[in-house]
Structures are given as structure tokens and as C-alpha cells.
Amino acid sequence: MSKFDSFYNDLLFLINSHGTNKTPLKIEKDLDANIIKIFGENITALARAKNGLNEVTELAYATAEHHPYWNLLYNCSEIANTILENWEGKLSKKDICDIEWSLKELRQSLDKFANAD
């Protein structure tokens, strides 16, 4: 058993002990990737989507132009961020312009890949 597996088992014990106190927690795991996520009782699908997208956006920022697909990932995440930020509201004209610009960037990146062969 790895150290991370051991940590996970200890964490499950802690989470289960809080479950007996009626503290509703939800846990998701990907032990192969050493990932554990704990969600509280008031987590929403929108909050989870925003949280997950933050990880994608961080990858796009961290890789910068060092990866050939960076621009695709970056612009897709920007579009998704705009949509999620306005999920319960309305897209402004600026939001729509930003999405259109990102779509143009996506098209240009895809054209570069299509013409590379």
C-alpha cells in the first residue's frame, strides 16, 4: 500500500467519523492520479463545474505556448468560464464579443493544424 493509499484510508476514517455526527460530506477519488476531492453539503453542480474548470484553466495558463494545443485549451476554457460565470444570468454584449474572439482564435488554431500536414 502506498503512502497516498494509507492517507486516503485515514481520511476515510475521519470522514466517516463526521458522518456519524450528521455532517454530510461527499468524497471523490482517483487514487491512480493521487486525487481526492471532498465536497460539503451545500455543493452545487455549478460550483463543482467552476472548480473543475479552474483546473483546466490553470493547465492552460501554466503550459503557455509550450504545448501545440495550448491555444485550443486556453480559448475553450475562456469560453466555458464566461458561460459558467453567467450561468444564472445573461451574457452581456462584452461576453458575446469575448466568446466570438475566442472562437476566432480556435478557428485559426485549427486551421494551422489542418494545414500542417
PDB file of N, CA and C in Angstrom:
ATOM      1  N   MET A   1       0.850  -1.176   0.000  1.00  0.00           N
ATOM      2  CA  MET A   1       0.000   0.000   0.000  1.00  0.00           C
ATOM      3  C   MET A   1       0.898   1.242   0.000  1.00  0.00           C
ATOM      4  N   SER A   2       0.582   2.197  -0.881  1.00  0.00           N
ATOM      5  CA  SER A   2       1.379   3.418  -0.974  1.00  0.00           C
ATOM      6  C   SER A   2       1.061   4.350   0.195  1.00  0.00           C
ATOM      7  N   LYS A   3       1.905   5.342   0.361  1.00  0.00           N
ATOM      8  CA  LYS A   3       1.657   6.346   1.396  1.00  0.00           C
ATOM      9  C   LYS A   3       0.359   7.096   1.123  1.00  0.00           C
ATOM     10  N   PHE A   4       0.082   7.338  -0.162  1.00  0.00           N
ATOM     11  CA  PHE A   4      -1.149   8.048  -0.508  1.00  0.00           C
ATOM     12  C   PHE A   4      -2.367   7.183  -0.206  1.00  0.00           C
ATOM     13  N   ASP A   5      -2.291   5.889  -0.501  1.00  0.00           N
ATOM     14  CA  ASP A   5      -3.394   4.978  -0.167  1.00  0.00           C
ATOM     15  C   ASP A   5      -3.626   4.956   1.336  1.00  0.00           C
ATOM     16  N   SER A   6      -2.542   4.956   2.083  1.00  0.00           N
ATOM     17  CA  SER A   6      -2.646   4.970   3.539  1.00  0.00           C
ATOM     18  C   SER A   6      -3.305   6.267   4.011  1.00  0.00           C
ATOM     19  N   PHE A   7      -2.896   7.383   3.421  1.00  0.00           N
ATOM     20  CA  PHE A   7      -3.518   8.669   3.749  1.00  0.00           C
ATOM     21  C   PHE A   7      -5.008   8.635   3.432  1.00  0.00           C
ATOM     22  N   TYR A   8      -5.357   8.093   2.273  1.00  0.00           N
ATOM     23  CA  TYR A   8      -6.761   8.009   1.860  1.00  0.00           C
ATOM     24  C   TYR A   8      -7.566   7.202   2.878  1.00  0.00           C
ATOM     25  N   ASN A   9      -7.023   6.086   3.322  1.00  0.00           N
ATOM     26  CA  ASN A   9      -7.731   5.267   4.310  1.00  0.00           C
ATOM     27  C   ASN A   9      -7.923   6.029   5.619  1.00  0.00           C
ATOM     28  N   ASP A  10      -6.903   6.769   6.055  1.00  0.00           N
ATOM     29  CA  ASP A  10      -7.035   7.596   7.252  1.00  0.00           C
ATOM     30  C   ASP A  10      -8.086   8.683   7.055  1.00  0.00           C
ATOM     31  N   LEU A  11      -8.094   9.262   5.872  1.00  0.00           N
ATOM     32  CA  LEU A  11      -9.064  10.302   5.561  1.00  0.00           C
ATOM     33  C   LEU A  11     -10.488   9.740   5.570  1.00  0.00           C
ATOM     34  N   LEU A  12     -10.667   8.560   5.008  1.00  0.00           N
ATOM     35  CA  LEU A  12     -11.992   7.926   5.029  1.00  0.00           C
ATOM     36  C   LEU A  12     -12.477   7.713   6.458  1.00  0.00           C
ATOM     37  N   PHE A  13     -11.568   7.304   7.325  1.00  0.00           N
ATOM     38  CA  PHE A  13     -11.925   7.121   8.728  1.00  0.00           C
ATOM     39  C   PHE A  13     -12.410   8.444   9.321  1.00  0.00           C
ATOM     40  N   LEU A  14     -11.680   9.531   9.040  1.00  0.00           N
ATOM     41  CA  LEU A  14     -12.068  10.849   9.541  1.00  0.00           C
ATOM     42  C   LEU A  14     -13.422  11.272   8.969  1.00  0.00           C
ATOM     43  N   ILE A  15     -13.605  11.093   7.678  1.00  0.00           N
ATOM     44  CA  ILE A  15     -14.868  11.475   7.036  1.00  0.00           C
ATOM     45  C   ILE A  15     -16.021  10.667   7.612  1.00  0.00           C
ATOM     46  N   ASN A  16     -15.819   9.375   7.780  1.00  0.00           N
ATOM     47  CA  ASN A  16     -16.873   8.536   8.344  1.00  0.00           C
ATOM     48  C   ASN A  16     -17.202   8.932   9.777  1.00  0.00           C
ATOM     49  N   SER A  17     -16.206   9.372  10.528  1.00  0.00           N
ATOM     50  CA  SER A  17     -16.473   9.802  11.904  1.00  0.00           C
ATOM     51  C   SER A  17     -17.323  11.069  11.905  1.00  0.00           C
ATOM     52  N   HIS A  18     -17.161  11.921  10.927  1.00  0.00           N
ATOM     53  CA  HIS A  18     -18.007  13.110  10.827  1.00  0.00           C
ATOM     54  C   HIS A  18     -19.387  12.760  10.296  1.00  0.00           C
ATOM     55  N   GLY A  19     -19.474  11.701   9.524  1.00  0.00           N
ATOM     56  CA  GLY A  19     -20.778  11.248   9.033  1.00  0.00           C
ATOM     57  C   GLY A  19     -21.692  10.818  10.161  1.00  0.00           C
ATOM     58  N   THR A  20     -21.107  10.247  11.192  1.00  0.00           N
ATOM     59  CA  THR A  20     -21.923   9.848  12.346  1.00  0.00           C
ATOM     60  C   THR A  20     -22.428  11.070  13.103  1.00  0.00           C
ATOM     61  N   ASN A  21     -21.784  12.218  12.911  1.00  0.00           N
ATOM     62  CA  ASN A  21     -22.232  13.474  13.528  1.00  0.00           C
ATOM     63  C   ASN A  21     -23.181  14.238  12.623  1.00  0.00           C
ATOM     64  N   LYS A  22     -23.638  13.569  11.569  1.00  0.00           N
ATOM     65  CA  LYS A  22     -24.582  14.166  10.614  1.00  0.00           C
ATOM     66  C   LYS A  22     -23.967  15.313   9.815  1.00  0.00           C
ATOM     67  N   THR A  23     -22.656  15.233   9.557  1.00  0.00           N
ATOM     68  CA  THR A  23     -22.000  16.194   8.682  1.00  0.00           C
ATOM     69  C   THR A  23     -21.922  15.554   7.304  1.00  0.00           C
ATOM     70  N   PRO A  24     -22.837  15.923   6.405  1.00  0.00           N
ATOM     71  CA  PRO A  24     -22.836  15.279   5.088  1.00  0.00           C
ATOM     72  C   PRO A  24     -21.651  15.745   4.235  1.00  0.00           C
ATOM     73  N   LEU A  25     -20.822  14.809   3.893  1.00  0.00           N
ATOM     74  CA  LEU A  25     -19.678  15.068   3.025  1.00  0.00           C
ATOM     75  C   LEU A  25     -19.715  14.078   1.883  1.00  0.00           C
ATOM     76  N   LYS A  26     -19.246  14.525   0.746  1.00  0.00           N
ATOM     77  CA  LYS A  26     -19.129  13.644  -0.400  1.00  0.00           C
ATOM     78  C   LYS A  26     -17.667  13.611  -0.800  1.00  0.00           C
ATOM     79  N   ILE A  27     -17.173  12.430  -1.095  1.00  0.00           N
ATOM     80  CA  ILE A  27     -15.773  12.290  -1.474  1.00  0.00           C
ATOM     81  C   ILE A  27     -15.694  11.649  -2.851  1.00  0.00           C
ATOM     82  N   GLU A  28     -14.799  12.179  -3.659  1.00  0.00           N
ATOM     83  CA  GLU A  28     -14.486  11.585  -4.953  1.00  0.00           C
ATOM     84  C   GLU A  28     -13.002  11.312  -4.977  1.00  0.00           C
ATOM     85  N   LYS A  29     -12.628  10.209  -5.586  1.00  0.00           N
ATOM     86  CA  LYS A  29     -11.216   9.859  -5.583  1.00  0.00           C
ATOM     87  C   LYS A  29     -10.775   9.342  -6.939  1.00  0.00           C
ATOM     88  N   ASP A  30      -9.525   9.579  -7.211  1.00  0.00           N
ATOM     89  CA  ASP A  30      -8.820   8.965  -8.330  1.00  0.00           C
ATOM     90  C   ASP A  30      -7.443   8.630  -7.766  1.00  0.00           C
ATOM     91  N   LEU A  31      -7.367   7.492  -7.121  1.00  0.00           N
ATOM     92  CA  LEU A  31      -6.148   7.146  -6.410  1.00  0.00           C
ATOM     93  C   LEU A  31      -4.979   6.917  -7.349  1.00  0.00           C
ATOM     94  N   ASP A  32      -5.246   6.520  -8.584  1.00  0.00           N
ATOM     95  CA  ASP A  32      -4.158   6.364  -9.556  1.00  0.00           C
ATOM     96  C   ASP A  32      -3.474   7.701  -9.845  1.00  0.00           C
ATOM     97  N   ALA A  33      -4.245   8.776  -9.800  1.00  0.00           N
ATOM     98  CA  ALA A  33      -3.707  10.112 -10.052  1.00  0.00           C
ATOM     99  C   ALA A  33      -3.405  10.869  -8.759  1.00  0.00           C
ATOM    100  N   ASN A  34      -3.589  10.196  -7.612  1.00  0.00           N
ATOM    101  CA  ASN A  34      -3.370  10.829  -6.298  1.00  0.00           C
ATOM    102  C   ASN A  34      -4.261  12.045  -6.093  1.00  0.00           C
ATOM    103  N   ILE A  35      -5.538  11.886  -6.422  1.00  0.00           N
ATOM    104  CA  ILE A  35      -6.503  12.975  -6.270  1.00  0.00           C
ATOM    105  C   ILE A  35      -7.627  12.535  -5.345  1.00  0.00           C
ATOM    106  N   ILE A  36      -7.922  13.391  -4.389  1.00  0.00           N
ATOM    107  CA  ILE A  36      -9.072  13.213  -3.507  1.00  0.00           C
ATOM    108  C   ILE A  36      -9.776  14.559  -3.422  1.00  0.00           C
ATOM    109  N   LYS A  37     -11.090  14.546  -3.642  1.00  0.00           N
ATOM    110  CA  LYS A  37     -11.884  15.769  -3.519  1.00  0.00           C
ATOM    111  C   LYS A  37     -12.951  15.537  -2.467  1.00  0.00           C
ATOM    112  N   ILE A  38     -13.123  16.524  -1.609  1.00  0.00           N
ATOM    113  CA  ILE A  38     -14.144  16.454  -0.568  1.00  0.00           C
ATOM    114  C   ILE A  38     -15.090  17.625  -0.774  1.00  0.00           C
ATOM    115  N   PHE A  39     -16.375  17.321  -0.821  1.00  0.00           N
ATOM    116  CA  PHE A  39     -17.395  18.339  -1.029  1.00  0.00           C
ATOM    117  C   PHE A  39     -18.301  18.398   0.190  1.00  0.00           C
ATOM    118  N   GLY A  40     -18.662  19.611   0.559  1.00  0.00           N
ATOM    119  CA  GLY A  40     -19.586  19.808   1.666  1.00  0.00           C
ATOM    120  C   GLY A  40     -21.025  19.652   1.228  1.00  0.00           C
ATOM    121  N   GLU A  41     -21.911  19.809   2.189  1.00  0.00           N
ATOM    122  CA  GLU A  41     -23.325  19.534   1.952  1.00  0.00           C
ATOM    123  C   GLU A  41     -23.992  20.509   0.989  1.00  0.00           C
ATOM    124  N   ASN A  42     -23.472  21.708   0.849  1.00  0.00           N
ATOM    125  CA  ASN A  42     -24.130  22.710   0.008  1.00  0.00           C
ATOM    126  C   ASN A  42     -23.512  22.841  -1.375  1.00  0.00           C
ATOM    127  N   ILE A  43     -22.704  21.891  -1.784  1.00  0.00           N
ATOM    128  CA  ILE A  43     -22.071  21.958  -3.099  1.00  0.00           C
ATOM    129  C   ILE A  43     -23.145  21.833  -4.187  1.00  0.00           C
ATOM    130  N   THR A  44     -22.976  22.631  -5.224  1.00  0.00           N
ATOM    131  CA  THR A  44     -23.911  22.571  -6.346  1.00  0.00           C
ATOM    132  C   THR A  44     -23.169  22.084  -7.579  1.00  0.00           C
ATOM    133  N   ALA A  45     -23.913  21.660  -8.563  1.00  0.00           N
ATOM    134  CA  ALA A  45     -23.302  21.235  -9.821  1.00  0.00           C
ATOM    135  C   ALA A  45     -22.548  22.395 -10.466  1.00  0.00           C
ATOM    136  N   LEU A  46     -23.081  23.604 -10.343  1.00  0.00           N
ATOM    137  CA  LEU A  46     -22.420  24.771 -10.913  1.00  0.00           C
ATOM    138  C   LEU A  46     -21.085  25.038 -10.202  1.00  0.00           C
ATOM    139  N   ALA A  47     -21.074  24.961  -8.891  1.00  0.00           N
ATOM    140  CA  ALA A  47     -19.832  25.173  -8.138  1.00  0.00           C
ATOM    141  C   ALA A  47     -18.800  24.101  -8.480  1.00  0.00           C
ATOM    142  N   ARG A  48     -19.252  22.872  -8.630  1.00  0.00           N
ATOM    143  CA  ARG A  48     -18.327  21.792  -8.996  1.00  0.00           C
ATOM    144  C   ARG A  48     -17.766  22.011 -10.397  1.00  0.00           C
ATOM    145  N   ALA A  49     -18.611  22.462 -11.317  1.00  0.00           N
ATOM    146  CA  ALA A  49     -18.145  22.721 -12.687  1.00  0.00           C
ATOM    147  C   ALA A  49     -17.115  23.845 -12.693  1.00  0.00           C
ATOM    148  N   LYS A  50     -17.378  24.911 -11.947  1.00  0.00           N
ATOM    149  CA  LYS A  50     -16.426  26.017 -11.872  1.00  0.00           C
ATOM    150  C   LYS A  50     -15.100  25.552 -11.280  1.00  0.00           C
ATOM    151  N   ASN A  51     -15.174  24.737 -10.242  1.00  0.00           N
ATOM    152  CA  ASN A  51     -13.962  24.229  -9.609  1.00  0.00           C
ATOM    153  C   ASN A  51     -13.149  23.372 -10.563  1.00  0.00           C
ATOM    154  N   GLY A  52     -13.812  22.482 -11.275  1.00  0.00           N
ATOM    155  CA  GLY A  52     -13.119  21.640 -12.240  1.00  0.00           C
ATOM    156  C   GLY A  52     -12.530  22.437 -13.383  1.00  0.00           C
ATOM    157  N   LEU A  53     -13.253  23.441 -13.822  1.00  0.00           N
ATOM    158  CA  LEU A  53     -12.764  24.275 -14.910  1.00  0.00           C
ATOM    159  C   LEU A  53     -11.551  25.090 -14.473  1.00  0.00           C
ATOM    160  N   ASN A  54     -11.487  25.444 -13.201  1.00  0.00           N
ATOM    161  CA  ASN A  54     -10.308  26.146 -12.691  1.00  0.00           C
ATOM    162  C   ASN A  54      -9.046  25.323 -12.919  1.00  0.00           C
ATOM    163  N   GLU A  55      -9.150  24.020 -12.775  1.00  0.00           N
ATOM    164  CA  GLU A  55      -8.001  23.145 -13.001  1.00  0.00           C
ATOM    165  C   GLU A  55      -7.595  23.153 -14.478  1.00  0.00           C
ATOM    166  N   VAL A  56      -8.570  23.137 -15.356  1.00  0.00           N
ATOM    167  CA  VAL A  56      -8.289  23.186 -16.801  1.00  0.00           C
ATOM    168  C   VAL A  56      -7.653  24.525 -17.157  1.00  0.00           C
ATOM    169  N   THR A  57      -8.205  25.594 -16.627  1.00  0.00           N
ATOM    170  CA  THR A  57      -7.676  26.923 -16.904  1.00  0.00           C
ATOM    171  C   THR A  57      -6.250  27.046 -16.389  1.00  0.00           C
ATOM    172  N   GLU A  58      -5.984  26.506 -15.224  1.00  0.00           N
ATOM    173  CA  GLU A  58      -4.629  26.539 -14.663  1.00  0.00           C
ATOM    174  C   GLU A  58      -3.649  25.812 -15.577  1.00  0.00           C
ATOM    175  N   LEU A  59      -4.060  24.681 -16.126  1.00  0.00           N
ATOM    176  CA  LEU A  59      -3.198  23.970 -17.071  1.00  0.00           C
ATOM    177  C   LEU A  59      -2.938  24.828 -18.296  1.00  0.00           C
ATOM    178  N   ALA A  60      -3.961  25.477 -18.801  1.00  0.00           N
ATOM    179  CA  ALA A  60      -3.788  26.333 -19.979  1.00  0.00           C
ATOM    180  C   ALA A  60      -2.825  27.482 -19.677  1.00  0.00           C
ATOM    181  N   TYR A  61      -2.940  28.082 -18.501  1.00  0.00           N
ATOM    182  CA  TYR A  61      -2.038  29.181 -18.135  1.00  0.00           C
ATOM    183  C   TYR A  61      -0.620  28.673 -17.908  1.00  0.00           C
ATOM    184  N   ALA A  62      -0.497  27.519 -17.274  1.00  0.00           N
ATOM    185  CA  ALA A  62       0.824  27.002 -16.901  1.00  0.00           C
ATOM    186  C   ALA A  62       1.626  26.526 -18.111  1.00  0.00           C
ATOM    187  N   THR A  63       0.956  25.980 -19.103  1.00  0.00           N
ATOM    188  CA  THR A  63       1.687  25.474 -20.261  1.00  0.00           C
ATOM    189  C   THR A  63       2.056  26.583 -21.223  1.00  0.00           C
ATOM    190  N   ALA A  64       1.340  27.685 -21.135  1.00  0.00           N
ATOM    191  CA  ALA A  64       1.552  28.820 -22.040  1.00  0.00           C
ATOM    192  C   ALA A  64       1.700  28.312 -23.466  1.00  0.00           C
ATOM    193  N   GLU A  65       2.658  28.816 -24.163  1.00  0.00           N
ATOM    194  CA  GLU A  65       2.786  28.426 -25.566  1.00  0.00           C
ATOM    195  C   GLU A  65       3.758  27.272 -25.746  1.00  0.00           C
ATOM    196  N   HIS A  66       4.028  26.549 -24.675  1.00  0.00           N
ATOM    197  CA  HIS A  66       4.973  25.437 -24.735  1.00  0.00           C
ATOM    198  C   HIS A  66       4.350  24.162 -25.295  1.00  0.00           C
ATOM    199  N   HIS A  67       3.073  24.150 -25.476  1.00  0.00           N
ATOM    200  CA  HIS A  67       2.391  22.963 -25.997  1.00  0.00           C
ATOM    201  C   HIS A  67       1.600  23.377 -27.236  1.00  0.00           C
ATOM    202  N   PRO A  68       1.623  22.567 -28.269  1.00  0.00           N
ATOM    203  CA  PRO A  68       0.938  22.974 -29.508  1.00  0.00           C
ATOM    204  C   PRO A  68      -0.574  23.161 -29.352  1.00  0.00           C
ATOM    205  N   TYR A  69      -1.191  22.514 -28.375  1.00  0.00           N
ATOM    206  CA  TYR A  69      -2.639  22.633 -28.200  1.00  0.00           C
ATOM    207  C   TYR A  69      -3.023  23.707 -27.188  1.00  0.00           C
ATOM    208  N   TRP A  70      -2.034  24.438 -26.683  1.00  0.00           N
ATOM    209  CA  TRP A  70      -2.294  25.430 -25.649  1.00  0.00           C
ATOM    210  C   TRP A  70      -3.412  26.387 -26.041  1.00  0.00           C
ATOM    211  N   ASN A  71      -3.346  26.952 -27.216  1.00  0.00           N
ATOM    212  CA  ASN A  71      -4.323  27.957 -27.619  1.00  0.00           C
ATOM    213  C   ASN A  71      -5.736  27.372 -27.696  1.00  0.00           C
ATOM    214  N   LEU A  72      -5.841  26.132 -28.111  1.00  0.00           N
ATOM    215  CA  LEU A  72      -7.155  25.481 -28.138  1.00  0.00           C
ATOM    216  C   LEU A  72      -7.715  25.355 -26.723  1.00  0.00           C
ATOM    217  N   LEU A  73      -6.892  24.839 -25.823  1.00  0.00           N
ATOM    218  CA  LEU A  73      -7.339  24.648 -24.440  1.00  0.00           C
ATOM    219  C   LEU A  73      -7.661  25.989 -23.783  1.00  0.00           C
ATOM    220  N   TYR A  74      -6.785  26.950 -23.982  1.00  0.00           N
ATOM    221  CA  TYR A  74      -6.976  28.261 -23.364  1.00  0.00           C
ATOM    222  C   TYR A  74      -8.299  28.895 -23.808  1.00  0.00           C
ATOM    223  N   ASN A  75      -8.540  28.935 -25.104  1.00  0.00           N
ATOM    224  CA  ASN A  75      -9.759  29.591 -25.593  1.00  0.00           C
ATOM    225  C   ASN A  75     -11.016  28.817 -25.238  1.00  0.00           C
ATOM    226  N   CYS A  76     -10.947  27.499 -25.250  1.00  0.00           N
ATOM    227  CA  CYS A  76     -12.102  26.715 -24.797  1.00  0.00           C
ATOM    228  C   CYS A  76     -12.412  26.994 -23.327  1.00  0.00           C
ATOM    229  N   SER A  77     -11.367  27.072 -22.510  1.00  0.00           N
ATOM    230  CA  SER A  77     -11.594  27.333 -21.086  1.00  0.00           C
ATOM    231  C   SER A  77     -12.110  28.755 -20.859  1.00  0.00           C
ATOM    232  N   GLU A  78     -11.647  29.697 -21.660  1.00  0.00           N
ATOM    233  CA  GLU A  78     -12.151  31.060 -21.535  1.00  0.00           C
ATOM    234  C   GLU A  78     -13.643  31.127 -21.872  1.00  0.00           C
ATOM    235  N   ILE A  79     -14.037  30.435 -22.934  1.00  0.00           N
ATOM    236  CA  ILE A  79     -15.461  30.397 -23.298  1.00  0.00           C
ATOM    237  C   ILE A  79     -16.267  29.758 -22.175  1.00  0.00           C
ATOM    238  N   ALA A  80     -15.789  28.619 -21.687  1.00  0.00           N
ATOM    239  CA  ALA A  80     -16.507  27.922 -20.618  1.00  0.00           C
ATOM    240  C   ALA A  80     -16.574  28.777 -19.349  1.00  0.00           C
ATOM    241  N   ASN A  81     -15.495  29.470 -19.006  1.00  0.00           N
ATOM    242  CA  ASN A  81     -15.517  30.358 -17.834  1.00  0.00           C
ATOM    243  C   ASN A  81     -16.571  31.440 -17.982  1.00  0.00           C
ATOM    244  N   THR A  82     -16.640  32.049 -19.144  1.00  0.00           N
ATOM    245  CA  THR A  82     -17.634  33.102 -19.386  1.00  0.00           C
ATOM    246  C   THR A  82     -19.049  32.548 -19.232  1.00  0.00           C
ATOM    247  N   ILE A  83     -19.265  31.377 -19.782  1.00  0.00           N
ATOM    248  CA  ILE A  83     -20.592  30.773 -19.699  1.00  0.00           C
ATOM    249  C   ILE A  83     -20.957  30.434 -18.257  1.00  0.00           C
ATOM    250  N   LEU A  84     -20.022  29.818 -17.521  1.00  0.00           N
ATOM    251  CA  LEU A  84     -20.320  29.442 -16.141  1.00  0.00           C
ATOM    252  C   LEU A  84     -20.515  30.657 -15.240  1.00  0.00           C
ATOM    253  N   GLU A  85     -19.741  31.711 -15.477  1.00  0.00           N
ATOM    254  CA  GLU A  85     -19.904  32.923 -14.670  1.00  0.00           C
ATOM    255  C   GLU A  85     -21.279  33.556 -14.887  1.00  0.00           C
ATOM    256  N   ASN A  86     -21.861  33.336 -16.035  1.00  0.00           N
ATOM    257  CA  ASN A  86     -23.166  33.926 -16.360  1.00  0.00           C
ATOM    258  C   ASN A  86     -24.289  32.892 -16.370  1.00  0.00           C
ATOM    259  N   TRP A  87     -24.032  31.726 -15.839  1.00  0.00           N
ATOM    260  CA  TRP A  87     -24.963  30.597 -15.905  1.00  0.00           C
ATOM    261  C   TRP A  87     -26.352  30.961 -15.405  1.00  0.00           C
ATOM    262  N   GLU A  88     -26.400  31.720 -14.332  1.00  0.00           N
ATOM    263  CA  GLU A  88     -27.696  32.060 -13.745  1.00  0.00           C
ATOM    264  C   GLU A  88     -28.148  33.466 -14.138  1.00  0.00           C
ATOM    265  N   GLY A  89     -27.454  34.042 -15.093  1.00  0.00           N
ATOM    266  CA  GLY A  89     -27.797  35.394 -15.538  1.00  0.00           C
ATOM    267  C   GLY A  89     -27.901  35.450 -17.041  1.00  0.00           C
ATOM    268  N   LYS A  90     -27.319  36.498 -17.584  1.00  0.00           N
ATOM    269  CA  LYS A  90     -27.421  36.740 -19.014  1.00  0.00           C
ATOM    270  C   LYS A  90     -26.051  37.147 -19.541  1.00  0.00           C
ATOM    271  N   LEU A  91     -25.712  36.667 -20.726  1.00  0.00           N
ATOM    272  CA  LEU A  91     -24.462  37.078 -21.355  1.00  0.00           C
ATOM    273  C   LEU A  91     -24.579  38.535 -21.805  1.00  0.00           C
ATOM    274  N   SER A  92     -23.588  39.340 -21.456  1.00  0.00           N
ATOM    275  CA  SER A  92     -23.579  40.736 -21.895  1.00  0.00           C
ATOM    276  C   SER A  92     -23.032  40.810 -23.320  1.00  0.00           C
ATOM    277  N   LYS A  93     -23.127  41.973 -23.900  1.00  0.00           N
ATOM    278  CA  LYS A  93     -22.562  42.162 -25.245  1.00  0.00           C
ATOM    279  C   LYS A  93     -21.054  41.943 -25.210  1.00  0.00           C
ATOM    280  N   LYS A  94     -20.394  42.384 -24.134  1.00  0.00           N
ATOM    281  CA  LYS A  94     -18.955  42.173 -23.994  1.00  0.00           C
ATOM    282  C   LYS A  94     -18.648  40.674 -23.912  1.00  0.00           C
ATOM    283  N   ASP A  95     -19.455  39.940 -23.146  1.00  0.00           N
ATOM    284  CA  ASP A  95     -19.263  38.488 -23.048  1.00  0.00           C
ATOM    285  C   ASP A  95     -19.371  37.838 -24.423  1.00  0.00           C
ATOM    286  N   ILE A  96     -20.357  38.236 -25.178  1.00  0.00           N
ATOM    287  CA  ILE A  96     -20.563  37.676 -26.515  1.00  0.00           C
ATOM    288  C   ILE A  96     -19.385  38.023 -27.426  1.00  0.00           C
ATOM    289  N   CYS A  97     -18.901  39.252 -27.335  1.00  0.00           N
ATOM    290  CA  CYS A  97     -17.718  39.647 -28.127  1.00  0.00           C
ATOM    291  C   CYS A  97     -16.492  38.826 -27.722  1.00  0.00           C
ATOM    292  N   ASP A  98     -16.324  38.603 -26.417  1.00  0.00           N
ATOM    293  CA  ASP A  98     -15.198  37.802 -25.945  1.00  0.00           C
ATOM    294  C   ASP A  98     -15.290  36.366 -26.458  1.00  0.00           C
ATOM    295  N   ILE A  99     -16.487  35.806 -26.447  1.00  0.00           N
ATOM    296  CA  ILE A  99     -16.686  34.445 -26.953  1.00  0.00           C
ATOM    297  C   ILE A  99     -16.399  34.394 -28.450  1.00  0.00           C
ATOM    298  N   GLU A 100     -16.889  35.388 -29.181  1.00  0.00           N
ATOM    299  CA  GLU A 100     -16.624  35.434 -30.626  1.00  0.00           C
ATOM    300  C   GLU A 100     -15.130  35.514 -30.908  1.00  0.00           C
ATOM    301  N   TRP A 101     -14.397  36.303 -30.135  1.00  0.00           N
ATOM    302  CA  TRP A 101     -12.950  36.421 -30.313  1.00  0.00           C
ATOM    303  C   TRP A 101     -12.274  35.076 -30.046  1.00  0.00           C
ATOM    304  N   SER A 102     -12.698  34.402 -28.968  1.00  0.00           N
ATOM    305  CA  SER A 102     -12.127  33.084 -28.650  1.00  0.00           C
ATOM    306  C   SER A 102     -12.442  32.073 -29.746  1.00  0.00           C
ATOM    307  N   LEU A 103     -13.634  32.147 -30.290  1.00  0.00           N
ATOM    308  CA  LEU A 103     -13.988  31.243 -31.393  1.00  0.00           C
ATOM    309  C   LEU A 103     -13.108  31.497 -32.620  1.00  0.00           C
ATOM    310  N   LYS A 104     -12.827  32.762 -32.882  1.00  0.00           N
ATOM    311  CA  LYS A 104     -11.937  33.108 -34.000  1.00  0.00           C
ATOM    312  C   LYS A 104     -10.540  32.533 -33.757  1.00  0.00           C
ATOM    313  N   GLU A 105     -10.061  32.658 -32.534  1.00  0.00           N
ATOM    314  CA  GLU A 105      -8.753  32.101 -32.174  1.00  0.00           C
ATOM    315  C   GLU A 105      -8.743  30.576 -32.325  1.00  0.00           C
ATOM    316  N   LEU A 106      -9.821  29.940 -31.911  1.00  0.00           N
ATOM    317  CA  LEU A 106      -9.933  28.486 -32.071  1.00  0.00           C
ATOM    318  C   LEU A 106      -9.877  28.097 -33.544  1.00  0.00           C
ATOM    319  N   ARG A 107     -10.623  28.818 -34.365  1.00  0.00           N
ATOM    320  CA  ARG A 107     -10.649  28.524 -35.804  1.00  0.00           C
ATOM    321  C   ARG A 107      -9.252  28.671 -36.413  1.00  0.00           C
ATOM    322  N   GLN A 108      -8.554  29.742 -36.035  1.00  0.00           N
ATOM    323  CA  GLN A 108      -7.204  29.954 -36.562  1.00  0.00           C
ATOM    324  C   GLN A 108      -6.260  28.834 -36.115  1.00  0.00           C
ATOM    325  N   SER A 109      -6.370  28.412 -34.883  1.00  0.00           N
ATOM    326  CA  SER A 109      -5.520  27.319 -34.389  1.00  0.00           C
ATOM    327  C   SER A 109      -5.826  26.019 -35.114  1.00  0.00           C
ATOM    328  N   LEU A 110      -7.090  25.746 -35.304  1.00  0.00           N
ATOM    329  CA  LEU A 110      -7.473  24.518 -36.010  1.00  0.00           C
ATOM    330  C   LEU A 110      -7.001  24.547 -37.456  1.00  0.00           C
ATOM    331  N   ASP A 111      -7.087  25.703 -38.085  1.00  0.00           N
ATOM    332  CA  ASP A 111      -6.605  25.834 -39.462  1.00  0.00           C
ATOM    333  C   ASP A 111      -5.105  25.557 -39.548  1.00  0.00           C
ATOM    334  N   LYS A 112      -4.343  26.017 -38.562  1.00  0.00           N
ATOM    335  CA  LYS A 112      -2.901  25.739 -38.542  1.00  0.00           C
ATOM    336  C   LYS A 112      -2.644  24.234 -38.487  1.00  0.00           C
ATOM    337  N   PHE A 113      -3.415  23.529 -37.658  1.00  0.00           N
ATOM    338  CA  PHE A 113      -3.241  22.080 -37.570  1.00  0.00           C
ATOM    339  C   PHE A 113      -3.660  21.386 -38.868  1.00  0.00           C
ATOM    340  N   ALA A 114      -4.733  21.857 -39.459  1.00  0.00           N
ATOM    341  CA  ALA A 114      -5.223  21.254 -40.689  1.00  0.00           C
ATOM    342  C   ALA A 114      -4.243  21.451 -41.834  1.00  0.00           C
ATOM    343  N   ASN A 115      -3.563  22.578 -41.857  1.00  0.00           N
ATOM    344  CA  ASN A 115      -2.624  22.890 -42.937  1.00  0.00           C
ATOM    345  C   ASN A 115      -1.210  22.392 -42.665  1.00  0.00           C
ATOM    346  N   ALA A 116      -0.977  21.834 -41.508  1.00  0.00           N
ATOM    347  CA  ALA A 116       0.362  21.381 -41.134  1.00  0.00           C
ATOM    348  C   ALA A 116       0.745  20.082 -41.848  1.00  0.00           C
ATOM    349  N   ASP A 117      -0.208  19.320 -42.290  1.00  0.00           N
ATOM    350  CA  ASP A 117       0.097  18.023 -42.935  1.00  0.00           C
ATOM    351  C   ASP A 117       0.391  18.157 -44.394  1.00  0.00           C
TER     352      ASP A 117
END
